[in-house]
Amino acid sequence: MPFNPLPEKAERYIHSAELLAAEQDYDSAASRLYYAMFYVAQALLESLGQSYSSHRAVISAYGQHFAKSG
């Protein structure tokens, strides 16, 4: 299986969010956490052999394959 950089990218964004929250920059921390979740969603979809070019498509496919399916 090829290397997937998305989980590592998500971890970096979580770390950034922790630093921003420590500085009480909560809006920026929340944004970083949102993108961390987004990269995890992309990685999960890629594990199913699916890749999407738009942000909206990733969110929709994640909902279809993971959130709504239980």
Protein backbone atom coordinates (compact mmCIF):
# COMPACT_ATOMS: atom_id res chain seq x y z
CA MET A 1 0.00 0.00 0.00
CA PRO A 2 1.43 3.43 -0.92
CA PHE A 3 2.29 5.96 1.79
CA ASN A 4 -0.59 8.29 2.63
CA PRO A 5 0.58 11.67 4.01
CA LEU A 6 -2.92 12.73 5.11
CA PRO A 7 -2.86 11.22 8.65
CA GLU A 8 0.49 12.89 9.35
CA LYS A 9 -0.85 16.17 8.00
CA ALA A 10 -3.86 15.84 10.30
CA GLU A 11 -1.54 15.28 13.27
CA ARG A 12 0.43 18.43 12.40
CA TYR A 13 -2.81 20.42 12.24
CA ILE A 14 -3.90 19.07 15.63
CA HIS A 15 -0.55 20.13 17.08
CA SER A 16 -0.97 23.59 15.55
CA ALA A 17 -4.45 23.81 17.05
CA GLU A 18 -3.08 23.01 20.49
CA LEU A 19 -0.50 25.78 20.17
CA LEU A 20 -3.11 28.27 18.96
CA ALA A 21 -5.50 27.34 21.77
CA ALA A 22 -2.72 27.84 24.31
CA GLU A 23 -2.44 31.39 22.94
CA GLN A 24 -6.23 31.74 23.27
CA ASP A 25 -6.64 32.02 19.49
CA TYR A 26 -9.68 29.77 19.51
CA ASP A 27 -11.02 30.68 16.05
CA SER A 28 -7.74 29.69 14.42
CA ALA A 29 -7.51 26.56 16.58
CA ALA A 30 -11.01 25.51 15.51
CA SER A 31 -10.08 26.05 11.88
CA ARG A 32 -7.00 23.84 12.24
CA LEU A 33 -9.09 21.12 13.92
CA TYR A 34 -11.66 21.30 11.13
CA TYR A 35 -8.96 20.71 8.54
CA ALA A 36 -7.43 17.91 10.61
CA MET A 37 -10.81 16.18 10.50
CA PHE A 38 -11.05 16.88 6.77
CA TYR A 39 -7.69 15.21 6.11
CA VAL A 40 -8.73 12.18 8.17
CA ALA A 41 -11.95 11.97 6.14
CA GLN A 42 -9.93 12.10 2.92
CA ALA A 43 -7.63 9.34 4.17
CA LEU A 44 -10.58 7.13 5.09
CA LEU A 45 -12.11 7.62 1.66
CA GLU A 46 -8.78 6.87 0.00
CA SER A 47 -8.67 3.61 1.96
CA LEU A 48 -11.81 2.70 0.01
CA GLY A 49 -10.10 3.60 -3.26
CA GLN A 50 -12.00 6.87 -3.59
CA SER A 51 -10.51 10.26 -4.34
CA TYR A 52 -12.33 13.56 -4.78
CA SER A 53 -11.18 16.88 -6.18
CA SER A 54 -13.53 19.18 -4.28
CA HIS A 55 -14.01 19.92 -0.62
CA ARG A 56 -17.76 19.50 -0.92
CA ALA A 57 -17.40 16.09 -2.58
CA VAL A 58 -15.17 14.82 0.25
CA ILE A 59 -17.70 15.91 2.87
CA SER A 60 -20.59 14.37 0.96
CA ALA A 61 -18.79 11.08 0.35
CA TYR A 62 -17.69 10.87 3.99
CA GLY A 63 -21.28 11.34 5.08
CA GLN A 64 -22.48 8.69 2.67
CA HIS A 65 -19.84 6.06 3.44
CA PHE A 66 -19.16 6.60 7.13
CA ALA A 67 -21.56 8.91 8.97
CA LYS A 68 -24.88 7.71 7.51
CA SER A 69 -23.87 4.07 7.19
CA GLY A 70 -23.11 3.77 10.89
